[in-house]
PDB file of N, CA and C in Angstrom:
ATOM      1  N   MET A   1      35.561  84.255 103.369  1.00  0.00           N
ATOM      2  CA  MET A   1      34.994  85.033 102.285  1.00  0.00           C
ATOM      3  C   MET A   1      33.492  85.206 102.556  1.00  0.00           C
ATOM      4  N   THR A   2      32.999  86.425 102.367  1.00  0.00           N
ATOM      5  CA  THR A   2      31.583  86.701 102.595  1.00  0.00           C
ATOM      6  C   THR A   2      30.760  86.315 101.370  1.00  0.00           C
ATOM      7  N   ASP A   3      29.451  86.264 101.552  1.00  0.00           N
ATOM      8  CA  ASP A   3      28.565  85.990 100.414  1.00  0.00           C
ATOM      9  C   ASP A   3      28.731  87.060  99.340  1.00  0.00           C
ATOM     10  N   ARG A   4      28.912  88.311  99.768  1.00  0.00           N
ATOM     11  CA  ARG A   4      29.096  89.406  98.810  1.00  0.00           C
ATOM     12  C   ARG A   4      30.380  89.207  98.002  1.00  0.00           C
ATOM     13  N   ASP A   5      31.462  88.856  98.687  1.00  0.00           N
ATOM     14  CA  ASP A   5      32.733  88.598  98.002  1.00  0.00           C
ATOM     15  C   ASP A   5      32.581  87.465  96.993  1.00  0.00           C
ATOM     16  N   SER A   6      31.867  86.446  97.398  1.00  0.00           N
ATOM     17  CA  SER A   6      31.634  85.308  96.517  1.00  0.00           C
ATOM     18  C   SER A   6      30.855  85.730  95.272  1.00  0.00           C
ATOM     19  N   MET A   7      29.837  86.580  95.458  1.00  0.00           N
ATOM     20  CA  MET A   7      29.040  87.043  94.319  1.00  0.00           C
ATOM     21  C   MET A   7      29.875  87.936  93.408  1.00  0.00           C
ATOM     22  N   VAL A   8      30.705  88.785  93.984  1.00  0.00           N
ATOM     23  CA  VAL A   8      31.578  89.652  93.174  1.00  0.00           C
ATOM     24  C   VAL A   8      32.517  88.797  92.326  1.00  0.00           C
ATOM     25  N   ARG A   9      33.094  87.777  92.924  1.00  0.00           N
ATOM     26  CA  ARG A   9      33.985  86.884  92.162  1.00  0.00           C
ATOM     27  C   ARG A   9      33.225  86.155  91.061  1.00  0.00           C
ATOM     28  N   LYS A  10      32.008  85.732  91.365  1.00  0.00           N
ATOM     29  CA  LYS A  10      31.189  85.024  90.383  1.00  0.00           C
ATOM     30  C   LYS A  10      30.830  85.954  89.221  1.00  0.00           C
ATOM     31  N   ILE A  11      30.457  87.191  89.520  1.00  0.00           N
ATOM     32  CA  ILE A  11      30.133  88.156  88.463  1.00  0.00           C
ATOM     33  C   ILE A  11      31.370  88.460  87.633  1.00  0.00           C
ATOM     34  N   ASN A  12      32.519  88.624  88.278  1.00  0.00           N
ATOM     35  CA  ASN A  12      33.759  88.866  87.535  1.00  0.00           C
ATOM     36  C   ASN A  12      34.061  87.714  86.577  1.00  0.00           C
ATOM     37  N   ALA A  13      33.926  86.502  87.071  1.00  0.00           N
ATOM     38  CA  ALA A  13      34.169  85.330  86.226  1.00  0.00           C
ATOM     39  C   ALA A  13      33.156  85.270  85.088  1.00  0.00           C
ATOM     40  N   ALA A  14      31.900  85.618  85.375  1.00  0.00           N
ATOM     41  CA  ALA A  14      30.865  85.618  84.333  1.00  0.00           C
ATOM     42  C   ALA A  14      31.175  86.672  83.276  1.00  0.00           C
ATOM     43  N   LEU A  15      31.598  87.856  83.699  1.00  0.00           N
ATOM     44  CA  LEU A  15      31.955  88.904  82.740  1.00  0.00           C
ATOM     45  C   LEU A  15      33.126  88.466  81.869  1.00  0.00           C
ATOM     46  N   ASP A  16      34.105  87.865  82.493  1.00  0.00           N
ATOM     47  CA  ASP A  16      35.256  87.371  81.741  1.00  0.00           C
ATOM     48  C   ASP A  16      34.806  86.319  80.725  1.00  0.00           C
ATOM     49  N   HIS A  17      33.902  85.442  81.133  1.00  0.00           N
ATOM     50  CA  HIS A  17      33.392  84.401  80.232  1.00  0.00           C
ATOM     51  C   HIS A  17      32.617  85.027  79.069  1.00  0.00           C
ATOM     52  N   ILE A  18      31.760  86.000  79.371  1.00  0.00           N
ATOM     53  CA  ILE A  18      31.006  86.681  78.314  1.00  0.00           C
ATOM     54  C   ILE A  18      31.963  87.374  77.353  1.00  0.00           C
ATOM     55  N   ASP A  19      32.993  88.006  77.879  1.00  0.00           N
ATOM     56  CA  ASP A  19      33.979  88.687  77.033  1.00  0.00           C
ATOM     57  C   ASP A  19      34.675  87.714  76.095  1.00  0.00           C
ATOM     58  N   LYS A  20      35.000  86.531  76.586  1.00  0.00           N
ATOM     59  CA  LYS A  20      35.722  85.539  75.774  1.00  0.00           C
ATOM     60  C   LYS A  20      34.818  84.728  74.851  1.00  0.00           C
ATOM     61  N   HIS A  21      33.571  84.451  75.297  1.00  0.00           N
ATOM     62  CA  HIS A  21      32.709  83.519  74.566  1.00  0.00           C
ATOM     63  C   HIS A  21      31.415  84.126  74.036  1.00  0.00           C
ATOM     64  N   GLY A  22      31.093  85.342  74.455  1.00  0.00           N
ATOM     65  CA  GLY A  22      29.899  86.016  73.954  1.00  0.00           C
ATOM     66  C   GLY A  22      28.616  85.734  74.711  1.00  0.00           C
ATOM     67  N   ASP A  23      28.626  84.769  75.605  1.00  0.00           N
ATOM     68  CA  ASP A  23      27.441  84.458  76.414  1.00  0.00           C
ATOM     69  C   ASP A  23      27.865  83.617  77.610  1.00  0.00           C
ATOM     70  N   LEU A  24      26.882  83.127  78.342  1.00  0.00           N
ATOM     71  CA  LEU A  24      27.194  82.324  79.534  1.00  0.00           C
ATOM     72  C   LEU A  24      27.020  80.831  79.306  1.00  0.00           C
ATOM     73  N   SER A  25      26.891  80.418  78.061  1.00  0.00           N
ATOM     74  CA  SER A  25      26.797  78.985  77.770  1.00  0.00           C
ATOM     75  C   SER A  25      28.047  78.288  78.283  1.00  0.00           C
ATOM     76  N   GLY A  26      27.836  77.208  79.022  1.00  0.00           N
ATOM     77  CA  GLY A  26      28.955  76.470  79.583  1.00  0.00           C
ATOM     78  C   GLY A  26      29.482  77.058  80.877  1.00  0.00           C
ATOM     79  N   PHE A  27      28.915  78.172  81.314  1.00  0.00           N
ATOM     80  CA  PHE A  27      29.355  78.789  82.568  1.00  0.00           C
ATOM     81  C   PHE A  27      28.305  78.613  83.654  1.00  0.00           C
ATOM     82  N   ALA A  28      27.117  79.100  83.377  1.00  0.00           N
ATOM     83  CA  ALA A  28      26.034  79.006  84.359  1.00  0.00           C
ATOM     84  C   ALA A  28      25.455  77.597  84.341  1.00  0.00           C
ATOM     85  N   SER A  29      25.241  77.052  85.535  1.00  0.00           N
ATOM     86  CA  SER A  29      24.749  75.671  85.602  1.00  0.00           C
ATOM     87  C   SER A  29      23.250  75.568  85.371  1.00  0.00           C
ATOM     88  N   THR A  30      22.514  76.660  85.596  1.00  0.00           N
ATOM     89  CA  THR A  30      21.067  76.647  85.380  1.00  0.00           C
ATOM     90  C   THR A  30      20.637  77.950  84.716  1.00  0.00           C
ATOM     91  N   GLU A  31      19.430  77.956  84.172  1.00  0.00           N
ATOM     92  CA  GLU A  31      18.872  79.171  83.591  1.00  0.00           C
ATOM     93  C   GLU A  31      18.689  80.232  84.678  1.00  0.00           C
ATOM     94  N   GLN A  32      18.291  79.806  85.852  1.00  0.00           N
ATOM     95  CA  GLN A  32      18.115  80.729  86.984  1.00  0.00           C
ATOM     96  C   GLN A  32      19.438  81.420  87.326  1.00  0.00           C
ATOM     97  N   GLU A  33      20.517  80.652  87.383  1.00  0.00           N
ATOM     98  CA  GLU A  33      21.829  81.239  87.674  1.00  0.00           C
ATOM     99  C   GLU A  33      22.231  82.214  86.573  1.00  0.00           C
ATOM    100  N   ARG A  34      21.997  81.837  85.334  1.00  0.00           N
ATOM    101  CA  ARG A  34      22.326  82.713  84.201  1.00  0.00           C
ATOM    102  C   ARG A  34      21.577  84.031  84.315  1.00  0.00           C
ATOM    103  N   GLN A  35      20.274  83.947  84.569  1.00  0.00           N
ATOM    104  CA  GLN A  35      19.455  85.155  84.684  1.00  0.00           C
ATOM    105  C   GLN A  35      19.884  86.023  85.862  1.00  0.00           C
ATOM    106  N   THR A  36      20.227  85.402  86.974  1.00  0.00           N
ATOM    107  CA  THR A  36      20.674  86.140  88.154  1.00  0.00           C
ATOM    108  C   THR A  36      21.963  86.896  87.857  1.00  0.00           C
ATOM    109  N   LEU A  37      22.916  86.232  87.221  1.00  0.00           N
ATOM    110  CA  LEU A  37      24.191  86.876  86.884  1.00  0.00           C
ATOM    111  C   LEU A  37      23.996  88.001  85.878  1.00  0.00           C
ATOM    112  N   ILE A  38      23.191  87.761  84.856  1.00  0.00           N
ATOM    113  CA  ILE A  38      22.921  88.786  83.840  1.00  0.00           C
ATOM    114  C   ILE A  38      22.233  89.984  84.493  1.00  0.00           C
ATOM    115  N   SER A  39      21.234  89.726  85.333  1.00  0.00           N
ATOM    116  CA  SER A  39      20.501  90.812  85.997  1.00  0.00           C
ATOM    117  C   SER A  39      21.408  91.629  86.903  1.00  0.00           C
ATOM    118  N   ALA A  40      22.237  90.952  87.687  1.00  0.00           N
ATOM    119  CA  ALA A  40      23.145  91.648  88.602  1.00  0.00           C
ATOM    120  C   ALA A  40      24.144  92.507  87.832  1.00  0.00           C
ATOM    121  N   ALA A  41      24.718  91.963  86.783  1.00  0.00           N
ATOM    122  CA  ALA A  41      25.708  92.699  85.990  1.00  0.00           C
ATOM    123  C   ALA A  41      25.058  93.858  85.231  1.00  0.00           C
ATOM    124  N   THR A  42      23.862  93.654  84.714  1.00  0.00           N
ATOM    125  CA  THR A  42      23.152  94.712  83.998  1.00  0.00           C
ATOM    126  C   THR A  42      22.768  95.842  84.954  1.00  0.00           C
ATOM    127  N   ALA A  43      22.282  95.489  86.138  1.00  0.00           N
ATOM    128  CA  ALA A  43      21.892  96.491  87.133  1.00  0.00           C
ATOM    129  C   ALA A  43      23.074  97.370  87.551  1.00  0.00           C
ATOM    130  N   GLN A  44      24.267  96.813  87.506  1.00  0.00           N
ATOM    131  CA  GLN A  44      25.476  97.564  87.862  1.00  0.00           C
ATOM    132  C   GLN A  44      26.069  98.317  86.672  1.00  0.00           C
ATOM    133  N   GLY A  45      25.427  98.207  85.506  1.00  0.00           N
ATOM    134  CA  GLY A  45      25.933  98.887  84.314  1.00  0.00           C
ATOM    135  C   GLY A  45      27.118  98.187  83.679  1.00  0.00           C
ATOM    136  N   LEU A  46      27.286  96.897  83.987  1.00  0.00           N
ATOM    137  CA  LEU A  46      28.446  96.157  83.485  1.00  0.00           C
ATOM    138  C   LEU A  46      28.173  95.469  82.151  1.00  0.00           C
ATOM    139  N   LEU A  47      26.902  95.279  81.824  1.00  0.00           N
ATOM    140  CA  LEU A  47      26.519  94.666  80.549  1.00  0.00           C
ATOM    141  C   LEU A  47      25.537  95.552  79.824  1.00  0.00           C
ATOM    142  N   THR A  48      25.626  95.520  78.515  1.00  0.00           N
ATOM    143  CA  THR A  48      24.642  96.182  77.667  1.00  0.00           C
ATOM    144  C   THR A  48      24.149  95.174  76.644  1.00  0.00           C
ATOM    145  N   TRP A  49      22.969  95.400  76.116  1.00  0.00           N
ATOM    146  CA  TRP A  49      22.399  94.525  75.105  1.00  0.00           C
ATOM    147  C   TRP A  49      22.703  95.111  73.738  1.00  0.00           C
ATOM    148  N   ASN A  50      23.320  94.329  72.861  1.00  0.00           N
ATOM    149  CA  ASN A  50      23.580  94.729  71.488  1.00  0.00           C
ATOM    150  C   ASN A  50      22.452  94.157  70.645  1.00  0.00           C
ATOM    151  N   GLU A  51      21.517  94.999  70.280  1.00  0.00           N
ATOM    152  CA  GLU A  51      20.335  94.564  69.530  1.00  0.00           C
ATOM    153  C   GLU A  51      20.726  93.998  68.164  1.00  0.00           C
ATOM    154  N   GLU A  52      21.701  94.604  67.536  1.00  0.00           N
ATOM    155  CA  GLU A  52      22.133  94.148  66.214  1.00  0.00           C
ATOM    156  C   GLU A  52      22.695  92.727  66.262  1.00  0.00           C
ATOM    157  N   LEU A  53      23.513  92.445  67.262  1.00  0.00           N
ATOM    158  CA  LEU A  53      24.136  91.123  67.400  1.00  0.00           C
ATOM    159  C   LEU A  53      23.293  90.164  68.236  1.00  0.00           C
ATOM    160  N   LYS A  54      22.254  90.694  68.908  1.00  0.00           N
ATOM    161  CA  LYS A  54      21.358  89.888  69.760  1.00  0.00           C
ATOM    162  C   LYS A  54      22.129  89.171  70.868  1.00  0.00           C
ATOM    163  N   ARG A  55      22.972  89.948  71.550  1.00  0.00           N
ATOM    164  CA  ARG A  55      23.733  89.384  72.659  1.00  0.00           C
ATOM    165  C   ARG A  55      24.185  90.477  73.614  1.00  0.00           C
ATOM    166  N   HIS A  56      24.545  90.080  74.817  1.00  0.00           N
ATOM    167  CA  HIS A  56      25.080  91.018  75.797  1.00  0.00           C
ATOM    168  C   HIS A  56      26.548  91.277  75.484  1.00  0.00           C
ATOM    169  N   GLU A  57      26.966  92.496  75.820  1.00  0.00           N
ATOM    170  CA  GLU A  57      28.368  92.864  75.661  1.00  0.00           C
ATOM    171  C   GLU A  57      28.817  93.602  76.910  1.00  0.00           C
ATOM    172  N   LEU A  58      30.103  93.552  77.178  1.00  0.00           N
ATOM    173  CA  LEU A  58      30.656  94.272  78.316  1.00  0.00           C
ATOM    174  C   LEU A  58      30.634  95.770  78.034  1.00  0.00           C
ATOM    175  N   SER A  59      30.260  96.534  79.045  1.00  0.00           N
ATOM    176  CA  SER A  59      30.299  97.989  78.936  1.00  0.00           C
ATOM    177  C   SER A  59      31.737  98.458  79.178  1.00  0.00           C
ATOM    178  N   LYS A  60      31.969  99.733  78.934  1.00  0.00           N
ATOM    179  CA  LYS A  60      33.291 100.297  79.218  1.00  0.00           C
ATOM    180  C   LYS A  60      33.610 100.171  80.703  1.00  0.00           C
ATOM    181  N   ILE A  61      32.583 100.347  81.524  1.00  0.00           N
ATOM    182  CA  ILE A  61      32.761 100.212  82.972  1.00  0.00           C
ATOM    183  C   ILE A  61      33.211  98.792  83.319  1.00  0.00           C
ATOM    184  N   ALA A  62      32.613  97.791  82.676  1.00  0.00           N
ATOM    185  CA  ALA A  62      32.973  96.393  82.948  1.00  0.00           C
ATOM    186  C   ALA A  62      34.413  96.112  82.559  1.00  0.00           C
ATOM    187  N   ARG A  63      34.842  96.664  81.457  1.00  0.00           N
ATOM    188  CA  ARG A  63      36.233  96.446  81.034  1.00  0.00           C
ATOM    189  C   ARG A  63      37.205  97.038  82.057  1.00  0.00           C
ATOM    190  N   LYS A  64      36.882  98.238  82.566  1.00  0.00           N
ATOM    191  CA  LYS A  64      37.719  98.843  83.607  1.00  0.00           C
ATOM    192  C   LYS A  64      37.652  98.016  84.893  1.00  0.00           C
ATOM    193  N   TRP A  65      36.451  97.546  85.218  1.00  0.00           N
ATOM    194  CA  TRP A  65      36.235  96.718  86.423  1.00  0.00           C
ATOM    195  C   TRP A  65      37.113  95.465  86.358  1.00  0.00           C
ATOM    196  N   LEU A  66      37.057  94.759  85.221  1.00  0.00           N
ATOM    197  CA  LEU A  66      37.851  93.526  85.080  1.00  0.00           C
ATOM    198  C   LEU A  66      39.342  93.818  85.110  1.00  0.00           C
ATOM    199  N   ASP A  67      39.732  94.899  84.453  1.00  0.00           N
ATOM    200  CA  ASP A  67      41.142  95.255  84.445  1.00  0.00           C
ATOM    201  C   ASP A  67      41.627  95.515  85.870  1.00  0.00           C
ATOM    202  N   ALA A  68      40.856  96.259  86.633  1.00  0.00           N
ATOM    203  CA  ALA A  68      41.235  96.543  88.025  1.00  0.00           C
ATOM    204  C   ALA A  68      41.234  95.263  88.860  1.00  0.00           C
ATOM    205  N   PHE A  69      40.225  94.421  88.666  1.00  0.00           N
ATOM    206  CA  PHE A  69      40.118  93.198  89.462  1.00  0.00           C
ATOM    207  C   PHE A  69      41.277  92.250  89.176  1.00  0.00           C
ATOM    208  N   TYR A  70      41.598  92.033  87.912  1.00  0.00           N
ATOM    209  CA  TYR A  70      42.635  91.062  87.572  1.00  0.00           C
ATOM    210  C   TYR A  70      44.042  91.611  87.674  1.00  0.00           C
ATOM    211  N   HIS A  71      44.220  92.898  87.538  1.00  0.00           N
ATOM    212  CA  HIS A  71      45.577  93.441  87.549  1.00  0.00           C
ATOM    213  C   HIS A  71      46.022  94.001  88.886  1.00  0.00           C
ATOM    214  N   ARG A  72      45.099  94.123  89.828  1.00  0.00           N
ATOM    215  CA  ARG A  72      45.520  94.652  91.129  1.00  0.00           C
ATOM    216  C   ARG A  72      46.151  93.577  92.000  1.00  0.00           C
ATOM    217  N   ARG A  73      45.953  92.319  91.619  1.00  0.00           N
ATOM    218  CA  ARG A  73      46.511  91.224  92.409  1.00  0.00           C
ATOM    219  C   ARG A  73      47.932  90.909  91.937  1.00  0.00           C
ATOM    220  N   PRO A  74      48.759  90.403  92.817  1.00  0.00           N
ATOM    221  CA  PRO A  74      50.100  89.985  92.398  1.00  0.00           C
ATOM    222  C   PRO A  74      49.982  88.894  91.324  1.00  0.00           C
ATOM    223  N   SER A  75      50.898  88.854  90.406  1.00  0.00           N
ATOM    224  CA  SER A  75      50.827  87.900  89.299  1.00  0.00           C
ATOM    225  C   SER A  75      50.812  86.445  89.794  1.00  0.00           C
ATOM    226  N   SER A  76      51.333  86.175  90.958  1.00  0.00           N
ATOM    227  CA  SER A  76      51.317  84.806  91.464  1.00  0.00           C
ATOM    228  C   SER A  76      49.908  84.377  91.887  1.00  0.00           C
ATOM    229  N   ALA A  77      48.985  85.338  92.089  1.00  0.00           N
ATOM    230  CA  ALA A  77      47.631  85.041  92.516  1.00  0.00           C
ATOM    231  C   ALA A  77      46.693  84.798  91.323  1.00  0.00           C
ATOM    232  N   ARG A  78      47.147  85.022  90.121  1.00  0.00           N
ATOM    233  CA  ARG A  78      46.294  84.876  88.940  1.00  0.00           C
ATOM    234  C   ARG A  78      46.165  83.449  88.525  1.00  0.00           C
TER     235      ARG A  78
END
């Protein structure tokens, strides 16, 4: 697995965690890691900031991204 593949998997897992829990608490081991993941996902248009709720949310693109990532694999690989 390449470093890029590893980062893609990490971002996918982070997006899934944000979708389920609303933030990266309990996911990212450091503030630096949290900021790196948030920055990478935001730069790709995968996260948006909800000012009213004061939290990041998955964009429509992120929902499609996760659906493609998790559903393209055989069910035995999940």
